């Protein structure tokens, strides 16, 4: 089968054959119209996608900024960071945490403190030791152990409970900060994707305009 375009003298090579083949005529104007329509639809779709992506990026940025700002979390001054050996955070010294990058940095700062509590144990790790310490106090009281021993056991239990409570607060805040960082990152990616969608829409629009020009040229030549 061979294909010819009626509006222009364009032919497609015919494969050798001993039998006669049907000829399918394709109007160039029809083909141009289809391509122009498809390009126009894709342009509109890319513009809409770009708009939604940019809206998502702006929403993420504003939400993360507002939520972090409301907490009034700030980095210590440079001298304090130097004293703790956190020279990697000096660029944030004294700044209020209100961006995703700052949230990630402050989460790292918190983690450095948490590692110094209970020899690096986590809130979950101290669950069993806390229960055992409290059980030891209850057993000592039930057995009538002298008050000095009971007080010693109670001090141990209180210390573990205090460490666990501190770890719970620190890990919770750290998790919230990292969640803010994650949303800020997603928002940034959406922003880049939105820009790419608008660029692609511009390219597609240019192709549509070229197609319309070619379509008009074919019609003029036909006339």
C-alpha atoms as a PDB file:
ATOM      1  CA  UNK A   1       0.000   0.000   0.000  1.00  0.00           C
ATOM      2  CA  UNK A   2       1.307   3.485  -0.759  1.00  0.00           C
ATOM      3  CA  UNK A   3       0.369   6.837   0.702  1.00  0.00           C
ATOM      4  CA  UNK A   4       0.207  10.121  -1.143  1.00  0.00           C
ATOM      5  CA  UNK A   5      -0.602  13.608   0.050  1.00  0.00           C
ATOM      6  CA  UNK A   6      -3.077  15.407  -2.167  1.00  0.00           C
ATOM      7  CA  UNK A   7      -2.074  18.962  -1.312  1.00  0.00           C
ATOM      8  CA  UNK A   8       1.610  18.548  -2.131  1.00  0.00           C
ATOM      9  CA  UNK A   9       3.576  16.449  -4.541  1.00  0.00           C
ATOM     10  CA  UNK A  10       4.864  14.136  -1.852  1.00  0.00           C
ATOM     11  CA  UNK A  11       5.022  10.408  -2.374  1.00  0.00           C
ATOM     12  CA  UNK A  12       5.977   7.516  -0.208  1.00  0.00           C
ATOM     13  CA  UNK A  13       8.066   4.795  -1.767  1.00  0.00           C
ATOM     14  CA  UNK A  14       6.218   1.741  -2.910  1.00  0.00           C
ATOM     15  CA  UNK A  15       7.437  -1.661  -1.876  1.00  0.00           C
ATOM     16  CA  UNK A  16       8.053  -4.002  -4.764  1.00  0.00           C
ATOM     17  CA  UNK A  17       5.047  -6.164  -5.326  1.00  0.00           C
ATOM     18  CA  UNK A  18       3.658  -8.280  -8.099  1.00  0.00           C
ATOM     19  CA  UNK A  19       0.137  -7.328  -7.108  1.00  0.00           C
ATOM     20  CA  UNK A  20      -1.519  -3.977  -7.464  1.00  0.00           C
ATOM     21  CA  UNK A  21      -1.770  -2.103  -4.163  1.00  0.00           C
ATOM     22  CA  UNK A  22      -4.444   0.345  -3.084  1.00  0.00           C
ATOM     23  CA  UNK A  23      -3.418   3.962  -2.835  1.00  0.00           C
ATOM     24  CA  UNK A  24      -4.491   5.839   0.294  1.00  0.00           C
ATOM     25  CA  UNK A  25      -4.679   9.568  -0.187  1.00  0.00           C
ATOM     26  CA  UNK A  26      -4.039  11.682   2.893  1.00  0.00           C
ATOM     27  CA  UNK A  27      -4.811  15.366   2.727  1.00  0.00           C
ATOM     28  CA  UNK A  28      -1.923  17.403   4.090  1.00  0.00           C
ATOM     29  CA  UNK A  29      -4.365  19.995   5.391  1.00  0.00           C
ATOM     30  CA  UNK A  30      -6.185  17.278   7.348  1.00  0.00           C
ATOM     31  CA  UNK A  31      -2.940  15.990   8.835  1.00  0.00           C
ATOM     32  CA  UNK A  32      -1.883  19.515   9.777  1.00  0.00           C
ATOM     33  CA  UNK A  33      -5.235  20.166  11.404  1.00  0.00           C
ATOM     34  CA  UNK A  34      -4.978  17.025  13.524  1.00  0.00           C
ATOM     35  CA  UNK A  35      -1.441  17.857  14.647  1.00  0.00           C
ATOM     36  CA  UNK A  36      -2.385  21.465  15.416  1.00  0.00           C
ATOM     37  CA  UNK A  37      -5.387  20.355  17.490  1.00  0.00           C
ATOM     38  CA  UNK A  38      -3.305  17.795  19.393  1.00  0.00           C
ATOM     39  CA  UNK A  39      -0.593  20.385  20.025  1.00  0.00           C
ATOM     40  CA  UNK A  40      -3.150  22.904  21.265  1.00  0.00           C
ATOM     41  CA  UNK A  41      -4.604  20.364  23.703  1.00  0.00           C
ATOM     42  CA  UNK A  42      -1.135  19.479  24.988  1.00  0.00           C
ATOM     43  CA  UNK A  43      -0.290  23.169  25.393  1.00  0.00           C
ATOM     44  CA  UNK A  44      -3.378  23.778  27.491  1.00  0.00           C
ATOM     45  CA  UNK A  45      -2.704  20.636  29.540  1.00  0.00           C
ATOM     46  CA  UNK A  46       0.897  21.701  30.227  1.00  0.00           C
ATOM     47  CA  UNK A  47      -0.198  25.206  31.232  1.00  0.00           C
ATOM     48  CA  UNK A  48      -2.787  23.780  33.638  1.00  0.00           C
ATOM     49  CA  UNK A  49      -0.259  21.293  35.045  1.00  0.00           C
ATOM     50  CA  UNK A  50       2.317  24.044  35.450  1.00  0.00           C
ATOM     51  CA  UNK A  51      -0.189  26.245  37.242  1.00  0.00           C
ATOM     52  CA  UNK A  52      -1.169  23.467  39.658  1.00  0.00           C
ATOM     53  CA  UNK A  53       2.456  22.576  40.338  1.00  0.00           C
ATOM     54  CA  UNK A  54       3.368  26.202  41.045  1.00  0.00           C
ATOM     55  CA  UNK A  55       0.340  26.525  43.326  1.00  0.00           C
ATOM     56  CA  UNK A  56       1.479  23.423  45.210  1.00  0.00           C
ATOM     57  CA  UNK A  57       5.017  24.783  45.481  1.00  0.00           C
ATOM     58  CA  UNK A  58       3.815  28.131  46.842  1.00  0.00           C
ATOM     59  CA  UNK A  59       1.403  26.445  49.249  1.00  0.00           C
ATOM     60  CA  UNK A  60       4.157  24.184  50.580  1.00  0.00           C
ATOM     61  CA  UNK A  61       6.569  27.093  50.994  1.00  0.00           C
ATOM     62  CA  UNK A  62       4.047  29.310  52.805  1.00  0.00           C
ATOM     63  CA  UNK A  63       2.750  26.491  55.019  1.00  0.00           C
ATOM     64  CA  UNK A  64       6.209  25.363  56.111  1.00  0.00           C
ATOM     65  CA  UNK A  65       7.315  28.967  56.717  1.00  0.00           C
ATOM     66  CA  UNK A  66       4.235  29.871  58.765  1.00  0.00           C
ATOM     67  CA  UNK A  67       4.305  26.716  60.872  1.00  0.00           C
ATOM     68  CA  UNK A  68       8.015  26.941  61.645  1.00  0.00           C
ATOM     69  CA  UNK A  69       7.889  30.679  62.359  1.00  0.00           C
ATOM     70  CA  UNK A  70       5.068  30.190  64.858  1.00  0.00           C
ATOM     71  CA  UNK A  71       7.295  27.925  66.982  1.00  0.00           C
ATOM     72  CA  UNK A  72       9.973  30.614  67.506  1.00  0.00           C
ATOM     73  CA  UNK A  73      12.807  28.086  67.309  1.00  0.00           C
ATOM     74  CA  UNK A  74      16.206  29.709  66.839  1.00  0.00           C
ATOM     75  CA  UNK A  75      19.792  28.519  66.555  1.00  0.00           C
ATOM     76  CA  UNK A  76      22.233  29.371  69.348  1.00  0.00           C
ATOM     77  CA  UNK A  77      24.817  32.104  68.687  1.00  0.00           C
ATOM     78  CA  UNK A  78      28.033  31.245  66.858  1.00  0.00           C
ATOM     79  CA  UNK A  79      30.084  31.029  70.063  1.00  0.00           C
ATOM     80  CA  UNK A  80      27.754  28.393  71.536  1.00  0.00           C
ATOM     81  CA  UNK A  81      27.830  26.340  68.341  1.00  0.00           C
ATOM     82  CA  UNK A  82      31.619  26.505  68.265  1.00  0.00           C
ATOM     83  CA  UNK A  83      31.761  25.357  71.872  1.00  0.00           C
ATOM     84  CA  UNK A  84      29.601  22.335  71.051  1.00  0.00           C
ATOM     85  CA  UNK A  85      31.751  21.500  68.047  1.00  0.00           C
ATOM     86  CA  UNK A  86      29.008  22.275  65.532  1.00  0.00           C
ATOM     87  CA  UNK A  87      31.008  24.435  63.164  1.00  0.00           C
ATOM     88  CA  UNK A  88      28.916  22.929  60.346  1.00  0.00           C
ATOM     89  CA  UNK A  89      25.954  24.979  61.601  1.00  0.00           C
ATOM     90  CA  UNK A  90      27.706  28.328  61.938  1.00  0.00           C
ATOM     91  CA  UNK A  91      25.978  29.769  58.886  1.00  0.00           C
ATOM     92  CA  UNK A  92      22.678  29.377  60.756  1.00  0.00           C
ATOM     93  CA  UNK A  93      23.908  30.950  64.011  1.00  0.00           C
ATOM     94  CA  UNK A  94      21.250  33.096  65.678  1.00  0.00           C
ATOM     95  CA  UNK A  95      18.749  32.587  62.868  1.00  0.00           C
ATOM     96  CA  UNK A  96      15.102  31.719  63.398  1.00  0.00           C
ATOM     97  CA  UNK A  97      14.090  28.378  61.905  1.00  0.00           C
ATOM     98  CA  UNK A  98      11.540  29.148  59.180  1.00  0.00           C
ATOM     99  CA  UNK A  99      12.695  27.220  56.079  1.00  0.00           C
ATOM    100  CA  UNK A 100      13.040  23.562  55.192  1.00  0.00           C
ATOM    101  CA  UNK A 101      16.835  23.724  55.064  1.00  0.00           C
ATOM    102  CA  UNK A 102      16.984  25.354  58.496  1.00  0.00           C
ATOM    103  CA  UNK A 103      14.568  22.743  59.869  1.00  0.00           C
ATOM    104  CA  UNK A 104      16.862  19.961  58.674  1.00  0.00           C
ATOM    105  CA  UNK A 105      19.892  21.711  60.182  1.00  0.00           C
ATOM    106  CA  UNK A 106      18.175  22.203  63.541  1.00  0.00           C
ATOM    107  CA  UNK A 107      17.056  18.566  63.528  1.00  0.00           C
ATOM    108  CA  UNK A 108      20.736  17.670  63.196  1.00  0.00           C
ATOM    109  CA  UNK A 109      21.511  19.998  66.112  1.00  0.00           C
ATOM    110  CA  UNK A 110      18.892  18.247  68.266  1.00  0.00           C
ATOM    111  CA  UNK A 111      20.167  14.832  67.263  1.00  0.00           C
ATOM    112  CA  UNK A 112      23.637  15.786  68.485  1.00  0.00           C
ATOM    113  CA  UNK A 113      22.167  16.447  71.927  1.00  0.00           C
ATOM    114  CA  UNK A 114      20.083  13.274  71.917  1.00  0.00           C
ATOM    115  CA  UNK A 115      23.146  11.154  71.210  1.00  0.00           C
ATOM    116  CA  UNK A 116      24.640  12.336  74.507  1.00  0.00           C
ATOM    117  CA  UNK A 117      21.659  11.092  76.535  1.00  0.00           C
ATOM    118  CA  UNK A 118      21.692   7.516  77.849  1.00  0.00           C
ATOM    119  CA  UNK A 119      24.732   6.631  75.730  1.00  0.00           C
ATOM    120  CA  UNK A 120      22.872   7.135  72.470  1.00  0.00           C
ATOM    121  CA  UNK A 121      19.803   5.070  73.418  1.00  0.00           C
ATOM    122  CA  UNK A 122      16.439   6.055  71.983  1.00  0.00           C
ATOM    123  CA  UNK A 123      13.063   6.561  73.648  1.00  0.00           C
ATOM    124  CA  UNK A 124      12.034   3.048  72.603  1.00  0.00           C
ATOM    125  CA  UNK A 125      15.317   1.553  73.836  1.00  0.00           C
ATOM    126  CA  UNK A 126      14.706   2.834  77.374  1.00  0.00           C
ATOM    127  CA  UNK A 127      11.235   1.324  77.625  1.00  0.00           C
ATOM    128  CA  UNK A 128      12.418  -1.997  79.059  1.00  0.00           C
ATOM    129  CA  UNK A 129      15.045  -0.511  81.432  1.00  0.00           C
ATOM    130  CA  UNK A 130      12.429   1.910  82.795  1.00  0.00           C
ATOM    131  CA  UNK A 131       9.943  -0.888  83.479  1.00  0.00           C
ATOM    132  CA  UNK A 132      12.642  -3.011  85.110  1.00  0.00           C
ATOM    133  CA  UNK A 133      13.799  -0.106  87.298  1.00  0.00           C
ATOM    134  CA  UNK A 134      10.254   0.609  88.483  1.00  0.00           C
ATOM    135  CA  UNK A 135       9.677  -3.100  89.106  1.00  0.00           C
ATOM    136  CA  UNK A 136      12.863  -3.213  91.214  1.00  0.00           C
ATOM    137  CA  UNK A 137      11.574  -0.324  93.342  1.00  0.00           C
ATOM    138  CA  UNK A 138       8.203  -2.020  93.847  1.00  0.00           C
ATOM    139  CA  UNK A 139       9.891  -5.303  94.763  1.00  0.00           C
ATOM    140  CA  UNK A 140      12.224  -3.596  97.245  1.00  0.00           C
ATOM    141  CA  UNK A 141       9.319  -1.865  98.943  1.00  0.00           C
ATOM    142  CA  UNK A 142       7.326  -5.108  99.099  1.00  0.00           C
ATOM    143  CA  UNK A 143      10.273  -6.941 100.642  1.00  0.00           C
ATOM    144  CA  UNK A 144      10.759  -4.271 103.292  1.00  0.00           C
ATOM    145  CA  UNK A 145      14.220  -3.273 102.046  1.00  0.00           C
ATOM    146  CA  UNK A 146      15.810  -0.412 103.993  1.00  0.00           C
ATOM    147  CA  UNK A 147      14.914   3.111 102.910  1.00  0.00           C
ATOM    148  CA  UNK A 148      18.413   3.947 101.677  1.00  0.00           C
ATOM    149  CA  UNK A 149      18.342   1.080  99.171  1.00  0.00           C
ATOM    150  CA  UNK A 150      14.813   1.926  98.092  1.00  0.00           C
ATOM    151  CA  UNK A 151      15.828   5.557  97.603  1.00  0.00           C
ATOM    152  CA  UNK A 152      18.792   4.457  95.490  1.00  0.00           C
ATOM    153  CA  UNK A 153      16.605   2.286  93.300  1.00  0.00           C
ATOM    154  CA  UNK A 154      14.033   5.064  93.008  1.00  0.00           C
ATOM    155  CA  UNK A 155      16.740   7.531  91.953  1.00  0.00           C
ATOM    156  CA  UNK A 156      17.836   5.137  89.212  1.00  0.00           C
ATOM    157  CA  UNK A 157      14.252   4.697  88.032  1.00  0.00           C
ATOM    158  CA  UNK A 158      13.672   8.469  88.080  1.00  0.00           C
ATOM    159  CA  UNK A 159      16.849   9.073  86.093  1.00  0.00           C
ATOM    160  CA  UNK A 160      15.807   6.617  83.387  1.00  0.00           C
ATOM    161  CA  UNK A 161      12.308   8.107  83.293  1.00  0.00           C
ATOM    162  CA  UNK A 162      13.765  11.600  82.978  1.00  0.00           C
ATOM    163  CA  UNK A 163      16.052  10.497  80.152  1.00  0.00           C
ATOM    164  CA  UNK A 164      13.169   8.816  78.389  1.00  0.00           C
ATOM    165  CA  UNK A 165      10.957  11.890  78.681  1.00  0.00           C
ATOM    166  CA  UNK A 166      13.731  14.104  77.321  1.00  0.00           C
ATOM    167  CA  UNK A 167      14.306  11.719  74.430  1.00  0.00           C
ATOM    168  CA  UNK A 168      10.595  11.635  73.676  1.00  0.00           C
ATOM    169  CA  UNK A 169      10.388  15.428  73.448  1.00  0.00           C
ATOM    170  CA  UNK A 170      13.602  15.705  71.453  1.00  0.00           C
ATOM    171  CA  UNK A 171      12.743  12.923  69.018  1.00  0.00           C
ATOM    172  CA  UNK A 172       9.245  14.331  68.529  1.00  0.00           C
ATOM    173  CA  UNK A 173      10.558  17.814  67.733  1.00  0.00           C
ATOM    174  CA  UNK A 174      13.232  16.363  65.487  1.00  0.00           C
ATOM    175  CA  UNK A 175      10.626  14.320  63.618  1.00  0.00           C
ATOM    176  CA  UNK A 176       8.408  17.378  63.128  1.00  0.00           C
ATOM    177  CA  UNK A 177      11.330  19.415  61.816  1.00  0.00           C
ATOM    178  CA  UNK A 178      12.309  16.677  59.374  1.00  0.00           C
ATOM    179  CA  UNK A 179       8.689  16.447  58.213  1.00  0.00           C
ATOM    180  CA  UNK A 180       8.768  20.181  57.514  1.00  0.00           C
ATOM    181  CA  UNK A 181      12.003  19.685  55.587  1.00  0.00           C
ATOM    182  CA  UNK A 182      10.413  16.870  53.575  1.00  0.00           C
ATOM    183  CA  UNK A 183       7.399  19.014  52.642  1.00  0.00           C
ATOM    184  CA  UNK A 184       9.664  21.914  51.729  1.00  0.00           C
ATOM    185  CA  UNK A 185      11.652  19.581  49.463  1.00  0.00           C
ATOM    186  CA  UNK A 186       8.484  18.281  47.803  1.00  0.00           C
ATOM    187  CA  UNK A 187       7.375  21.875  47.275  1.00  0.00           C
ATOM    188  CA  UNK A 188      10.706  22.804  45.698  1.00  0.00           C
ATOM    189  CA  UNK A 189      10.499  19.831  43.333  1.00  0.00           C
ATOM    190  CA  UNK A 190       6.943  20.833  42.410  1.00  0.00           C
ATOM    191  CA  UNK A 191       8.212  24.336  41.642  1.00  0.00           C
ATOM    192  CA  UNK A 192      10.925  23.033  39.324  1.00  0.00           C
ATOM    193  CA  UNK A 193       8.404  20.726  37.651  1.00  0.00           C
ATOM    194  CA  UNK A 194       6.017  23.661  37.206  1.00  0.00           C
ATOM    195  CA  UNK A 195       8.714  25.715  35.495  1.00  0.00           C
ATOM    196  CA  UNK A 196       9.530  22.763  33.235  1.00  0.00           C
ATOM    197  CA  UNK A 197       5.833  22.407  32.369  1.00  0.00           C
ATOM    198  CA  UNK A 198       5.599  26.083  31.398  1.00  0.00           C
ATOM    199  CA  UNK A 199       8.739  25.808  29.251  1.00  0.00           C
ATOM    200  CA  UNK A 200       7.316  22.723  27.544  1.00  0.00           C
ATOM    201  CA  UNK A 201       4.026  24.575  27.016  1.00  0.00           C
ATOM    202  CA  UNK A 202       5.940  27.433  25.376  1.00  0.00           C
ATOM    203  CA  UNK A 203       7.733  25.044  23.044  1.00  0.00           C
ATOM    204  CA  UNK A 204       4.490  23.291  22.194  1.00  0.00           C
ATOM    205  CA  UNK A 205       2.778  26.637  21.528  1.00  0.00           C
ATOM    206  CA  UNK A 206       5.580  27.561  19.137  1.00  0.00           C
ATOM    207  CA  UNK A 207       5.111  24.271  17.300  1.00  0.00           C
ATOM    208  CA  UNK A 208       1.359  24.888  17.096  1.00  0.00           C
ATOM    209  CA  UNK A 209       1.941  28.334  15.619  1.00  0.00           C
ATOM    210  CA  UNK A 210       4.377  26.901  13.090  1.00  0.00           C
ATOM    211  CA  UNK A 211       1.812  24.258  12.229  1.00  0.00           C
ATOM    212  CA  UNK A 212      -0.849  26.907  11.691  1.00  0.00           C
ATOM    213  CA  UNK A 213       1.519  28.860   9.473  1.00  0.00           C
ATOM    214  CA  UNK A 214       2.266  25.745   7.450  1.00  0.00           C
ATOM    215  CA  UNK A 215      -1.429  24.898   7.219  1.00  0.00           C
ATOM    216  CA  UNK A 216      -2.219  28.388   5.915  1.00  0.00           C
ATOM    217  CA  UNK A 217       0.653  28.166   3.444  1.00  0.00           C
ATOM    218  CA  UNK A 218      -0.678  24.884   2.070  1.00  0.00           C
ATOM    219  CA  UNK A 219      -4.162  26.358   1.712  1.00  0.00           C
ATOM    220  CA  UNK A 220      -2.764  29.402  -0.114  1.00  0.00           C
ATOM    221  CA  UNK A 221      -0.774  27.246  -2.489  1.00  0.00           C
ATOM    222  CA  UNK A 222      -3.838  25.100  -3.108  1.00  0.00           C
ATOM    223  CA  UNK A 223      -5.877  28.149  -4.020  1.00  0.00           C
END
